[in-house]
Amino acid sequence: MYKNSDSWKDLADNVFSVYIRLKNADKDGRCKCITCGKVLHWREIQNGHYRSRLSNKYRFDERNCHPQCKGCNVMLNGNYRNYHKFMVATYGEEVEERLWNDK
């Protein structure tokens, strides 16, 4: 079956999301939201992007994607104040600034 480019991107998003959540899950399948600390099963947590998925350059960059609960990722629009703190603590200010400011 022929798929258009949006269908392939959706498929890649889904596969990458599972990868990020499983990569960060413990042996029991639990992930911790990097912005609020809530612990959920990998199937109940989301793949939150520091830079929006609209940035194709960073859409599938592991440094840009981390587990987030729905409350932080959707309801708080990424909870960027805490996401920023996580990024600086994890990758350093130089990497965080490069990811955030790169056009």
Protein backbone atom coordinates (compact mmCIF):
# COMPACT_ATOMS: atom_id res chain seq x y z
CA MET A 1 0.00 0.00 0.00
CA TYR A 2 1.32 3.44 -0.92
CA LYS A 3 1.74 5.90 1.92
CA ASN A 4 2.25 9.63 1.58
CA SER A 5 5.09 11.40 3.38
CA ASP A 6 2.85 12.44 6.29
CA SER A 7 1.92 8.80 6.90
CA TRP A 8 5.60 7.83 7.01
CA LYS A 9 6.33 10.69 9.39
CA ASP A 10 3.46 9.58 11.65
CA LEU A 11 4.77 6.02 11.64
CA ALA A 12 8.30 7.23 12.44
CA ASP A 13 6.91 9.43 15.25
CA ASN A 14 5.11 6.46 16.78
CA VAL A 15 8.11 4.15 16.60
CA PHE A 16 10.47 6.81 17.96
CA SER A 17 8.05 7.62 20.79
CA VAL A 18 7.97 3.97 21.88
CA TYR A 19 11.78 3.83 21.67
CA ILE A 20 12.22 6.93 23.89
CA ARG A 21 9.73 5.69 26.48
CA LEU A 22 11.17 2.16 26.60
CA LYS A 23 14.74 3.47 26.69
CA ASN A 24 13.88 5.45 29.82
CA ALA A 25 11.74 2.79 31.49
CA ASP A 26 12.92 0.72 34.43
CA LYS A 27 12.79 -3.08 34.50
CA ASP A 28 9.10 -2.93 35.44
CA GLY A 29 8.24 -0.64 32.52
CA ARG A 30 7.90 2.55 34.58
CA CYS A 31 9.09 5.95 33.41
CA LYS A 32 9.53 9.15 35.37
CA CYS A 33 8.24 12.43 33.94
CA ILE A 34 11.34 14.58 33.58
CA THR A 35 9.44 17.77 34.45
CA CYS A 36 7.30 16.82 37.48
CA GLY A 37 8.66 13.45 38.61
CA LYS A 38 5.40 11.53 38.24
CA VAL A 39 6.03 7.83 37.59
CA LEU A 40 3.85 6.03 35.03
CA HIS A 41 4.04 2.88 32.94
CA TRP A 42 5.76 3.55 29.60
CA ARG A 43 2.42 3.07 27.81
CA GLU A 44 0.83 5.84 29.91
CA ILE A 45 3.59 8.41 29.54
CA GLN A 46 4.31 10.52 26.47
CA ASN A 47 7.37 11.45 24.46
CA GLY A 48 7.80 15.14 25.23
CA HIS A 49 9.84 17.32 22.89
CA TYR A 50 11.94 20.23 24.16
CA ARG A 51 11.88 21.79 20.71
CA SER A 52 8.56 21.28 18.96
CA ARG A 53 8.17 18.40 16.51
CA LEU A 54 7.76 21.11 13.89
CA SER A 55 11.54 21.43 14.03
CA ASN A 56 12.36 18.52 11.73
CA LYS A 57 16.05 18.85 12.53
CA TYR A 58 15.42 17.88 16.16
CA ARG A 59 12.23 15.86 15.78
CA PHE A 60 14.09 12.55 16.21
CA ASP A 61 17.05 13.80 18.24
CA GLU A 62 17.28 11.85 21.50
CA ARG A 63 18.55 14.93 23.33
CA ASN A 64 15.29 16.68 22.40
CA CYS A 65 12.91 13.90 23.49
CA HIS A 66 12.16 12.68 27.00
CA PRO A 67 9.31 11.05 28.94
CA GLN A 68 6.62 13.44 30.11
CA CYS A 69 3.24 12.86 31.70
CA LYS A 70 0.21 14.14 29.80
CA GLY A 71 -0.29 16.88 32.38
CA CYS A 72 3.13 18.39 31.69
CA ASN A 73 3.32 17.66 27.97
CA VAL A 74 -0.22 18.67 26.98
CA MET A 75 -1.92 20.55 29.80
CA LEU A 76 1.16 22.63 30.68
CA ASN A 77 2.38 22.88 27.06
CA GLY A 78 5.63 21.08 27.81
CA ASN A 79 6.17 22.58 31.28
CA TYR A 80 9.12 24.42 29.75
CA ARG A 81 10.42 26.04 32.92
CA ASN A 82 11.10 22.60 34.41
CA TYR A 83 12.08 21.12 31.03
CA HIS A 84 14.70 23.87 30.68
CA LYS A 85 16.12 23.05 34.13
CA PHE A 86 16.28 19.35 33.19
CA MET A 87 18.04 20.10 29.90
CA VAL A 88 20.70 22.31 31.51
CA ALA A 89 21.28 19.79 34.32
CA THR A 90 21.48 16.86 31.88
CA TYR A 91 23.30 18.29 28.87
CA GLY A 92 24.78 21.59 30.06
CA GLU A 93 23.96 25.14 29.05
CA GLU A 94 25.87 25.00 25.76
CA VAL A 95 23.90 22.04 24.36
CA GLU A 96 20.59 23.40 25.69
CA GLU A 97 21.21 26.77 24.06
CA ARG A 98 22.23 25.15 20.77
CA LEU A 99 19.06 23.04 20.70
CA TRP A 100 16.79 25.92 21.67
CA ASN A 101 18.28 28.65 19.50
CA ASP A 102 19.19 26.70 16.36
CA LYS A 103 16.97 27.67 13.46
